[in-house]
N, C-alpha and C. Protein backbone atom coordinates (compact mmCIF):
# COMPACT_ATOMS: atom_id res chain seq x y z
N MET A 1 -2.30 9.56 -6.19
CA MET A 1 -0.36 10.20 -5.88
C MET A 1 -0.20 10.77 -4.67
N LYS A 2 1.50 10.62 -4.12
CA LYS A 2 1.31 11.51 -3.10
C LYS A 2 2.65 12.36 -2.79
N LYS A 3 2.31 13.97 -2.34
CA LYS A 3 3.74 14.90 -2.93
C LYS A 3 4.25 15.59 -1.55
N GLU A 4 5.55 15.13 -2.08
CA GLU A 4 6.68 15.97 -0.53
C GLU A 4 7.47 17.12 -1.50
N GLU A 5 7.27 17.75 -0.10
CA GLU A 5 7.68 19.46 -0.37
C GLU A 5 9.57 19.08 0.00
N PHE A 6 10.35 19.03 -0.50
CA PHE A 6 11.38 19.75 0.13
C PHE A 6 12.61 21.21 -0.43
N LYS A 7 12.91 21.84 0.71
CA LYS A 7 13.84 23.14 0.46
C LYS A 7 15.20 23.21 0.54
N VAL A 8 15.24 23.22 -0.24
CA VAL A 8 17.15 23.20 -1.14
C VAL A 8 17.64 24.83 -1.04
N SER A 9 18.78 24.19 -1.13
CA SER A 9 20.60 25.39 -1.90
C SER A 9 20.81 24.46 -3.74
N GLY A 10 20.86 25.37 -3.59
CA GLY A 10 20.45 25.02 -5.73
C GLY A 10 22.11 24.33 -5.65
N GLN A 11 23.28 24.16 -4.85
CA GLN A 11 24.26 23.10 -5.03
C GLN A 11 23.75 21.76 -4.13
N GLU A 12 22.90 22.04 -2.97
CA GLU A 12 21.98 20.26 -3.36
C GLU A 12 21.27 19.64 -3.81
N VAL A 13 20.70 20.51 -4.64
CA VAL A 13 19.47 20.21 -5.33
C VAL A 13 19.84 18.69 -6.25
N LEU A 14 21.00 18.87 -6.65
CA LEU A 14 20.42 17.39 -7.81
C LEU A 14 21.68 15.92 -6.71
N LYS A 15 22.03 17.04 -5.63
CA LYS A 15 21.96 15.35 -5.19
C LYS A 15 20.89 14.71 -4.78
N LYS A 16 20.32 15.64 -3.97
CA LYS A 16 18.43 15.25 -3.49
C LYS A 16 17.71 14.20 -4.65
N ILE A 17 18.01 14.52 -5.32
CA ILE A 17 17.01 14.25 -7.02
C ILE A 17 17.31 13.54 -7.66
N LYS A 18 18.78 12.74 -7.28
CA LYS A 18 19.21 11.89 -7.06
C LYS A 18 19.78 10.04 -6.18
N ALA A 19 19.09 11.40 -4.56
CA ALA A 19 18.73 10.03 -3.98
C ALA A 19 17.08 9.55 -4.42
N LEU A 20 16.00 10.31 -4.19
CA LEU A 20 15.21 11.12 -4.17
C LEU A 20 14.59 8.86 -5.44
N VAL A 21 15.55 9.82 -7.10
CA VAL A 21 15.24 8.43 -7.60
C VAL A 21 15.42 7.55 -7.68
N LYS A 22 16.77 7.26 -6.56
CA LYS A 22 17.63 6.36 -6.01
C LYS A 22 16.37 5.16 -5.30
N GLU A 23 15.31 6.23 -4.30
CA GLU A 23 14.24 5.18 -3.97
C GLU A 23 13.24 4.15 -4.39
N GLY A 24 12.76 4.89 -5.86
CA GLY A 24 12.74 3.75 -7.77
C GLY A 24 11.00 4.04 -7.37
N ASN A 25 10.25 5.21 -6.31
CA ASN A 25 9.01 5.23 -6.60
C ASN A 25 8.43 6.12 -7.27
N VAL A 26 9.15 7.60 -7.27
CA VAL A 26 8.92 8.93 -8.15
C VAL A 26 8.80 8.62 -9.55
N ARG A 27 7.55 9.54 -9.55
CA ARG A 27 7.00 9.67 -10.94
C ARG A 27 7.24 10.84 -11.59
N ARG A 28 7.17 11.72 -10.54
CA ARG A 28 7.78 13.27 -11.60
C ARG A 28 8.03 14.73 -10.27
N ILE A 29 8.84 15.00 -11.14
CA ILE A 29 9.25 15.84 -10.53
C ILE A 29 9.86 17.47 -11.19
N ILE A 30 9.75 18.21 -9.04
CA ILE A 30 9.07 19.62 -10.32
C ILE A 30 10.25 20.74 -9.31
N ILE A 31 11.29 21.53 -10.15
CA ILE A 31 12.01 22.83 -9.31
C ILE A 31 11.19 23.70 -9.61
N GLN A 32 10.85 24.51 -8.90
CA GLN A 32 11.01 25.43 -8.30
C GLN A 32 11.34 26.49 -7.48
N ASN A 33 11.64 27.89 -8.36
CA ASN A 33 12.71 28.74 -7.53
C ASN A 33 11.56 29.87 -5.94
N GLU A 34 12.03 30.82 -5.71
CA GLU A 34 12.00 31.27 -4.70
C GLU A 34 10.28 31.65 -4.46
N LYS A 35 9.90 31.96 -5.68
CA LYS A 35 8.69 32.82 -5.95
C LYS A 35 8.04 32.18 -5.79
N GLY A 36 8.18 30.82 -6.29
CA GLY A 36 6.65 29.30 -7.18
C GLY A 36 6.77 29.25 -8.37
N ASN A 37 7.67 30.03 -8.62
CA ASN A 37 7.71 29.86 -10.14
C ASN A 37 7.64 27.99 -10.47
N THR A 38 7.85 27.62 -11.39
CA THR A 38 8.38 26.51 -12.37
C THR A 38 9.74 26.57 -13.05
N LEU A 39 11.01 25.95 -12.79
CA LEU A 39 11.93 25.92 -13.66
C LEU A 39 11.98 24.49 -14.69
N ILE A 40 11.17 24.30 -13.66
CA ILE A 40 11.19 22.85 -14.48
C ILE A 40 10.54 21.61 -14.38
N GLU A 41 10.13 20.62 -14.25
CA GLU A 41 8.91 19.39 -14.11
C GLU A 41 10.53 18.48 -15.53
N ILE A 42 10.01 16.89 -14.86
CA ILE A 42 10.36 15.68 -15.04
C ILE A 42 9.78 14.58 -14.54
N PRO A 43 8.85 14.35 -15.75
CA PRO A 43 7.99 13.05 -15.91
C PRO A 43 9.02 11.52 -15.70
N LEU A 44 9.06 11.26 -14.64
CA LEU A 44 9.70 9.69 -14.09
C LEU A 44 9.26 8.43 -14.57
N THR A 45 9.43 7.58 -15.05
CA THR A 45 8.69 6.67 -15.78
C THR A 45 9.89 5.54 -15.20
N ILE A 46 8.96 4.90 -14.98
CA ILE A 46 9.25 3.09 -14.03
C ILE A 46 10.39 2.41 -14.82
N GLY A 47 11.24 2.12 -14.35
CA GLY A 47 12.93 1.62 -15.55
C GLY A 47 13.28 2.14 -15.55
N VAL A 48 13.67 4.02 -16.10
CA VAL A 48 14.62 5.02 -15.76
C VAL A 48 15.09 4.66 -14.95
N VAL A 49 16.59 4.41 -15.61
CA VAL A 49 17.46 4.24 -14.51
C VAL A 49 19.44 4.78 -15.23
N GLY A 50 20.68 5.86 -14.57
CA GLY A 50 21.06 4.62 -15.61
C GLY A 50 22.05 6.00 -16.63
N ALA A 51 22.66 5.84 -18.06
CA ALA A 51 22.84 6.48 -18.54
C ALA A 51 21.57 8.01 -19.74
N ALA A 52 19.87 7.10 -19.08
CA ALA A 52 18.96 7.42 -19.77
C ALA A 52 18.60 9.04 -18.67
N LEU A 53 18.98 8.36 -17.49
CA LEU A 53 19.02 10.46 -16.62
C LEU A 53 20.09 11.08 -17.40
N LEU A 54 21.07 10.50 -17.77
CA LEU A 54 22.45 11.99 -17.86
C LEU A 54 21.79 13.36 -18.90
N PRO A 55 21.34 13.10 -19.50
CA PRO A 55 20.39 14.99 -20.74
C PRO A 55 19.14 15.32 -18.73
N VAL A 56 19.28 14.15 -17.88
CA VAL A 56 17.62 15.16 -16.93
C VAL A 56 19.34 16.01 -15.96
N TRP A 57 19.76 14.97 -15.62
CA TRP A 57 21.22 15.64 -14.43
C TRP A 57 21.42 16.77 -15.14
N ALA A 58 21.69 16.87 -16.59
CA ALA A 58 22.62 18.16 -17.18
C ALA A 58 21.41 19.23 -17.47
N ALA A 59 20.03 18.82 -18.28
CA ALA A 59 18.72 20.01 -17.31
C ALA A 59 18.74 20.73 -16.53
N ILE A 60 19.12 19.94 -15.41
CA ILE A 60 19.07 20.33 -13.86
C ILE A 60 19.85 21.40 -13.39
N GLY A 61 21.10 20.44 -13.85
CA GLY A 61 22.06 21.20 -13.60
C GLY A 61 22.82 22.63 -13.79
N THR A 62 21.77 23.19 -15.18
CA THR A 62 21.61 23.69 -15.49
C THR A 62 20.90 25.51 -15.10
N VAL A 63 20.13 24.49 -14.75
CA VAL A 63 18.42 25.04 -14.28
C VAL A 63 19.45 25.44 -12.69
N VAL A 64 19.38 24.89 -11.43
CA VAL A 64 19.68 24.98 -10.33
C VAL A 64 21.06 26.34 -10.20
N ALA A 65 22.29 26.07 -11.50
CA ALA A 65 23.24 26.88 -12.04
C ALA A 65 21.91 28.87 -11.35
N LEU A 66 21.17 29.71 -11.46
CA LEU A 66 20.27 30.09 -11.92
C LEU A 66 19.92 30.60 -11.61
N VAL A 67 19.52 29.69 -9.71
CA VAL A 67 18.93 29.91 -8.66
C VAL A 67 19.47 29.37 -7.10
N ALA A 68 19.76 30.29 -6.06
CA ALA A 68 19.96 30.58 -4.96
C ALA A 68 19.26 29.48 -4.50
N ASN A 69 18.47 29.21 -4.12
CA ASN A 69 17.41 28.98 -3.27
C ASN A 69 15.95 28.14 -3.91
N CYS A 70 15.45 26.49 -3.58
CA CYS A 70 14.56 26.55 -4.62
C CYS A 70 13.42 25.30 -3.62
N THR A 71 13.10 25.25 -4.91
CA THR A 71 12.38 23.52 -3.82
C THR A 71 11.94 22.24 -4.58
N ILE A 72 12.06 21.13 -4.11
CA ILE A 72 11.75 20.20 -4.80
C ILE A 72 10.73 19.30 -4.79
N ILE A 73 9.56 19.42 -5.29
CA ILE A 73 8.12 18.42 -5.26
C ILE A 73 8.38 17.33 -6.57
N VAL A 74 7.98 16.18 -5.21
CA VAL A 74 8.05 14.69 -5.50
C VAL A 74 6.41 14.61 -5.36
N GLU A 75 6.18 13.90 -6.89
CA GLU A 75 5.22 12.88 -6.45
C GLU A 75 5.74 11.18 -6.74
N LYS A 76 5.34 10.54 -5.90
CA LYS A 76 5.81 9.49 -5.49
C LYS A 76 4.31 8.84 -5.80
N ARG A 77 3.99 7.33 -5.88
CA ARG A 77 3.21 6.31 -6.50
C ARG A 77 3.37 6.04 -4.59
N ASP A 78 1.52 5.69 -4.79
CA ASP A 78 1.51 5.09 -3.08
C ASP A 78 1.38 3.24 -3.42
């Protein structure tokens, strides 16, 4: 597995995650606050698209509304 980290503001989180999911090789997304505490961890399986992700977007939106800046950690398949 390959890991990448992105530091983003709360407003940019959803946009960045949607772009990463479109790439298609993301296995897990972890969102952490400024202190490094994990706020939400989302495992993604192959073929999860569209309406199946609506609850995920809602959960992310709720979590990032509580923080100004966060780190997105993305685990990708090699």
